[in-house]
Amino acid sequence: MPLEHAEDKVLCARMLTELEKVNDEVKAATPELHEEGGVGKMIMAFHKFGVDHNATVQQFGRYPHRNDVMGRESTPEEVEYLKTANRYGQ
């Protein structure tokens, strides 16, 4: 979770790699837990959210939905993005 929420392109991308490693390790070590509907499904759900988070950080270098609370000015591109973006509950 800290990697997923970091406003750092390298760390956010690393999060996807780490989730893939965890998925592979769980699948190899305990395939019965990895079956559909099990741990593998949960890991892949985290991966899906991670892909979305990573795309935002790769595009903007930060999470634009945090700008107001962080006292940052939004760029025109961020303003447009925020009109339809997933704000992750914020």
N, C-alpha and C. Protein backbone atom coordinates (compact mmCIF):
# COMPACT_ATOMS: atom_id res chain seq x y z
N MET A 1 0.81 -1.20 0.00
CA MET A 1 0.00 0.00 0.00
C MET A 1 0.86 1.27 0.00
N PRO A 2 1.94 1.35 0.75
CA PRO A 2 2.74 2.57 0.67
C PRO A 2 3.28 2.83 -0.73
N LEU A 3 3.68 1.77 -1.44
CA LEU A 3 4.18 1.97 -2.80
C LEU A 3 3.06 2.43 -3.72
N GLU A 4 1.88 1.90 -3.55
CA GLU A 4 0.74 2.28 -4.39
C GLU A 4 0.35 3.73 -4.21
N HIS A 5 0.54 4.24 -3.02
CA HIS A 5 0.10 5.60 -2.72
C HIS A 5 1.22 6.63 -2.77
N ALA A 6 2.41 6.20 -3.12
CA ALA A 6 3.54 7.13 -3.25
C ALA A 6 3.36 7.99 -4.49
N GLU A 7 3.68 9.25 -4.37
CA GLU A 7 3.65 10.14 -5.53
C GLU A 7 5.04 10.16 -6.16
N ASP A 8 5.48 9.00 -6.55
CA ASP A 8 6.80 8.82 -7.14
C ASP A 8 6.65 7.78 -8.25
N LYS A 9 7.04 8.14 -9.47
CA LYS A 9 6.83 7.25 -10.61
C LYS A 9 7.53 5.91 -10.45
N VAL A 10 8.74 5.92 -9.94
CA VAL A 10 9.50 4.68 -9.79
C VAL A 10 8.87 3.79 -8.73
N LEU A 11 8.52 4.35 -7.58
CA LEU A 11 7.91 3.55 -6.51
C LEU A 11 6.55 3.01 -6.91
N CYS A 12 5.78 3.82 -7.58
CA CYS A 12 4.44 3.38 -7.98
C CYS A 12 4.54 2.23 -9.00
N ALA A 13 5.47 2.33 -9.93
CA ALA A 13 5.67 1.24 -10.90
C ALA A 13 6.21 0.00 -10.20
N ARG A 14 7.06 0.19 -9.21
CA ARG A 14 7.61 -0.95 -8.47
C ARG A 14 6.51 -1.73 -7.77
N MET A 15 5.49 -1.03 -7.33
CA MET A 15 4.37 -1.68 -6.66
C MET A 15 3.77 -2.77 -7.54
N LEU A 16 3.64 -2.52 -8.83
CA LEU A 16 3.08 -3.52 -9.74
C LEU A 16 3.99 -4.74 -9.82
N THR A 17 5.27 -4.50 -9.90
CA THR A 17 6.24 -5.60 -9.95
C THR A 17 6.17 -6.42 -8.67
N GLU A 18 6.07 -5.76 -7.53
CA GLU A 18 6.01 -6.48 -6.25
C GLU A 18 4.73 -7.30 -6.13
N LEU A 19 3.61 -6.76 -6.59
CA LEU A 19 2.36 -7.52 -6.55
C LEU A 19 2.43 -8.75 -7.44
N GLU A 20 3.06 -8.61 -8.59
CA GLU A 20 3.23 -9.76 -9.48
C GLU A 20 4.11 -10.83 -8.83
N LYS A 21 5.16 -10.41 -8.12
CA LYS A 21 6.02 -11.36 -7.41
C LYS A 21 5.24 -12.09 -6.32
N VAL A 22 4.46 -11.35 -5.55
CA VAL A 22 3.65 -11.97 -4.50
C VAL A 22 2.68 -12.97 -5.11
N ASN A 23 2.04 -12.58 -6.20
CA ASN A 23 1.11 -13.49 -6.86
C ASN A 23 1.81 -14.77 -7.29
N ASP A 24 2.96 -14.65 -7.91
CA ASP A 24 3.71 -15.83 -8.35
C ASP A 24 4.16 -16.70 -7.17
N GLU A 25 4.60 -16.07 -6.09
CA GLU A 25 5.06 -16.82 -4.92
C GLU A 25 3.92 -17.57 -4.25
N VAL A 26 2.78 -16.93 -4.11
CA VAL A 26 1.62 -17.58 -3.49
C VAL A 26 1.14 -18.74 -4.37
N LYS A 27 1.11 -18.50 -5.66
CA LYS A 27 0.66 -19.54 -6.59
C LYS A 27 1.58 -20.76 -6.54
N ALA A 28 2.89 -20.52 -6.46
CA ALA A 28 3.85 -21.62 -6.40
C ALA A 28 3.82 -22.35 -5.06
N ALA A 29 3.71 -21.60 -3.98
CA ALA A 29 3.80 -22.19 -2.65
C ALA A 29 2.50 -22.85 -2.19
N THR A 30 1.39 -22.25 -2.53
CA THR A 30 0.10 -22.77 -2.07
C THR A 30 -0.94 -22.65 -3.18
N PRO A 31 -0.82 -23.47 -4.20
CA PRO A 31 -1.76 -23.36 -5.33
C PRO A 31 -3.22 -23.51 -4.91
N GLU A 32 -3.46 -24.28 -3.86
CA GLU A 32 -4.84 -24.46 -3.41
C GLU A 32 -5.45 -23.17 -2.87
N LEU A 33 -4.62 -22.28 -2.32
CA LEU A 33 -5.10 -20.98 -1.85
C LEU A 33 -5.24 -19.98 -2.99
N HIS A 34 -4.55 -20.27 -4.07
CA HIS A 34 -4.52 -19.34 -5.20
C HIS A 34 -5.68 -19.56 -6.16
N GLU A 35 -6.41 -20.63 -5.98
CA GLU A 35 -7.51 -20.96 -6.90
C GLU A 35 -8.47 -19.79 -7.06
N GLU A 36 -9.25 -19.85 -8.16
CA GLU A 36 -10.22 -18.80 -8.43
C GLU A 36 -11.13 -18.58 -7.22
N GLY A 37 -11.29 -17.33 -6.88
CA GLY A 37 -12.09 -16.99 -5.71
C GLY A 37 -11.27 -16.93 -4.44
N GLY A 38 -10.00 -17.30 -4.51
CA GLY A 38 -9.15 -17.29 -3.33
C GLY A 38 -8.19 -16.13 -3.32
N VAL A 39 -7.02 -16.37 -2.77
CA VAL A 39 -6.00 -15.33 -2.60
C VAL A 39 -5.61 -14.72 -3.94
N GLY A 40 -5.51 -15.53 -4.98
CA GLY A 40 -5.14 -15.02 -6.29
C GLY A 40 -6.10 -13.95 -6.78
N LYS A 41 -7.38 -14.16 -6.53
CA LYS A 41 -8.38 -13.16 -6.94
C LYS A 41 -8.16 -11.86 -6.18
N MET A 42 -7.86 -11.95 -4.90
CA MET A 42 -7.62 -10.76 -4.10
C MET A 42 -6.37 -10.02 -4.59
N ILE A 43 -5.31 -10.76 -4.86
CA ILE A 43 -4.07 -10.15 -5.33
C ILE A 43 -4.31 -9.45 -6.66
N MET A 44 -5.05 -10.09 -7.55
CA MET A 44 -5.31 -9.48 -8.85
C MET A 44 -6.22 -8.26 -8.73
N ALA A 45 -7.08 -8.22 -7.74
CA ALA A 45 -7.89 -7.02 -7.50
C ALA A 45 -6.99 -5.87 -7.06
N PHE A 46 -6.03 -6.16 -6.17
CA PHE A 46 -5.06 -5.13 -5.78
C PHE A 46 -4.26 -4.68 -7.00
N HIS A 47 -3.92 -5.62 -7.86
CA HIS A 47 -3.14 -5.30 -9.06
C HIS A 47 -3.94 -4.36 -9.97
N LYS A 48 -5.23 -4.63 -10.12
CA LYS A 48 -6.09 -3.78 -10.96
C LYS A 48 -6.10 -2.34 -10.43
N PHE A 49 -6.27 -2.18 -9.13
CA PHE A 49 -6.23 -0.84 -8.54
C PHE A 49 -4.85 -0.22 -8.72
N GLY A 50 -3.82 -1.05 -8.58
CA GLY A 50 -2.45 -0.57 -8.75
C GLY A 50 -2.18 -0.04 -10.14
N VAL A 51 -2.70 -0.75 -11.16
CA VAL A 51 -2.54 -0.29 -12.54
C VAL A 51 -3.16 1.09 -12.71
N ASP A 52 -4.34 1.27 -12.15
CA ASP A 52 -5.04 2.56 -12.23
C ASP A 52 -4.26 3.66 -11.51
N HIS A 53 -3.81 3.37 -10.30
CA HIS A 53 -3.03 4.34 -9.54
C HIS A 53 -1.74 4.69 -10.29
N ASN A 54 -1.07 3.67 -10.79
CA ASN A 54 0.20 3.88 -11.48
C ASN A 54 0.01 4.76 -12.71
N ALA A 55 -1.07 4.54 -13.45
CA ALA A 55 -1.33 5.35 -14.64
C ALA A 55 -1.46 6.83 -14.28
N THR A 56 -2.12 7.11 -13.17
CA THR A 56 -2.29 8.49 -12.72
C THR A 56 -0.95 9.12 -12.37
N VAL A 57 -0.14 8.41 -11.60
CA VAL A 57 1.16 8.94 -11.19
C VAL A 57 2.10 9.07 -12.40
N GLN A 58 2.06 8.11 -13.31
CA GLN A 58 2.91 8.21 -14.50
C GLN A 58 2.52 9.41 -15.35
N GLN A 59 1.23 9.70 -15.42
CA GLN A 59 0.76 10.82 -16.23
C GLN A 59 1.07 12.17 -15.60
N PHE A 60 0.84 12.30 -14.30
CA PHE A 60 0.94 13.60 -13.64
C PHE A 60 2.12 13.74 -12.68
N GLY A 61 2.71 12.63 -12.28
CA GLY A 61 3.79 12.69 -11.30
C GLY A 61 3.29 12.86 -9.88
N ARG A 62 1.98 12.78 -9.72
CA ARG A 62 1.33 12.94 -8.41
C ARG A 62 -0.13 12.56 -8.56
N TYR A 63 -0.84 12.59 -7.44
CA TYR A 63 -2.28 12.34 -7.45
C TYR A 63 -2.98 13.70 -7.45
N PRO A 64 -3.53 14.11 -8.59
CA PRO A 64 -4.17 15.43 -8.66
C PRO A 64 -5.29 15.63 -7.65
N HIS A 65 -5.98 14.56 -7.25
CA HIS A 65 -7.08 14.72 -6.30
C HIS A 65 -6.59 15.13 -4.91
N ARG A 66 -5.29 15.08 -4.68
CA ARG A 66 -4.72 15.53 -3.40
C ARG A 66 -4.36 17.01 -3.42
N ASN A 67 -4.40 17.63 -4.58
CA ASN A 67 -3.90 19.00 -4.70
C ASN A 67 -4.52 19.97 -3.71
N ASP A 68 -5.83 19.96 -3.57
CA ASP A 68 -6.49 20.90 -2.66
C ASP A 68 -5.98 20.75 -1.23
N VAL A 69 -5.97 19.53 -0.72
CA VAL A 69 -5.57 19.32 0.67
C VAL A 69 -4.07 19.54 0.88
N MET A 70 -3.29 19.43 -0.21
CA MET A 70 -1.85 19.64 -0.12
C MET A 70 -1.46 21.10 -0.41
N GLY A 71 -2.46 21.92 -0.72
CA GLY A 71 -2.18 23.33 -1.03
C GLY A 71 -1.46 23.51 -2.36
N ARG A 72 -1.67 22.57 -3.28
CA ARG A 72 -1.01 22.66 -4.59
C ARG A 72 -2.00 23.18 -5.62
N GLU A 73 -1.48 23.90 -6.57
CA GLU A 73 -2.31 24.38 -7.67
C GLU A 73 -2.38 23.30 -8.74
N SER A 74 -3.59 23.05 -9.23
CA SER A 74 -3.78 22.06 -10.28
C SER A 74 -3.45 22.66 -11.64
N THR A 75 -2.84 21.84 -12.49
CA THR A 75 -2.59 22.27 -13.85
C THR A 75 -3.91 22.19 -14.62
N PRO A 76 -4.01 22.85 -15.77
CA PRO A 76 -5.23 22.72 -16.58
C PRO A 76 -5.54 21.26 -16.94
N GLU A 77 -4.51 20.46 -17.21
CA GLU A 77 -4.71 19.05 -17.52
C GLU A 77 -5.29 18.30 -16.32
N GLU A 78 -4.80 18.63 -15.13
CA GLU A 78 -5.32 17.98 -13.92
C GLU A 78 -6.77 18.37 -13.67
N VAL A 79 -7.11 19.62 -13.90
CA VAL A 79 -8.49 20.07 -13.71
C VAL A 79 -9.42 19.27 -14.61
N GLU A 80 -9.03 19.08 -15.87
CA GLU A 80 -9.84 18.29 -16.80
C GLU A 80 -9.93 16.84 -16.34
N TYR A 81 -8.82 16.28 -15.94
CA TYR A 81 -8.77 14.90 -15.46
C TYR A 81 -9.71 14.70 -14.28
N LEU A 82 -9.70 15.62 -13.36
CA LEU A 82 -10.49 15.48 -12.14
C LEU A 82 -12.00 15.54 -12.37
N LYS A 83 -12.40 16.05 -13.51
CA LYS A 83 -13.84 16.12 -13.81
C LYS A 83 -14.46 14.73 -13.93
N THR A 84 -13.67 13.75 -14.35
CA THR A 84 -14.20 12.39 -14.56
C THR A 84 -13.37 11.31 -13.87
N ALA A 85 -12.34 11.70 -13.17
CA ALA A 85 -11.40 10.73 -12.59
C ALA A 85 -11.97 9.99 -11.40
N ASN A 86 -11.44 8.78 -11.19
CA ASN A 86 -11.70 8.06 -9.96
C ASN A 86 -10.91 8.76 -8.86
N ARG A 87 -11.58 9.24 -7.86
CA ARG A 87 -10.91 10.01 -6.81
C ARG A 87 -10.57 9.13 -5.60
N TYR A 88 -10.74 7.84 -5.72
CA TYR A 88 -10.32 6.90 -4.67
C TYR A 88 -10.93 7.25 -3.31
N GLY A 89 -12.19 7.66 -3.33
CA GLY A 89 -12.91 7.96 -2.10
C GLY A 89 -12.61 9.32 -1.50
N GLN A 90 -11.89 10.15 -2.23
CA GLN A 90 -11.56 11.48 -1.70
C GLN A 90 -12.34 12.57 -2.40
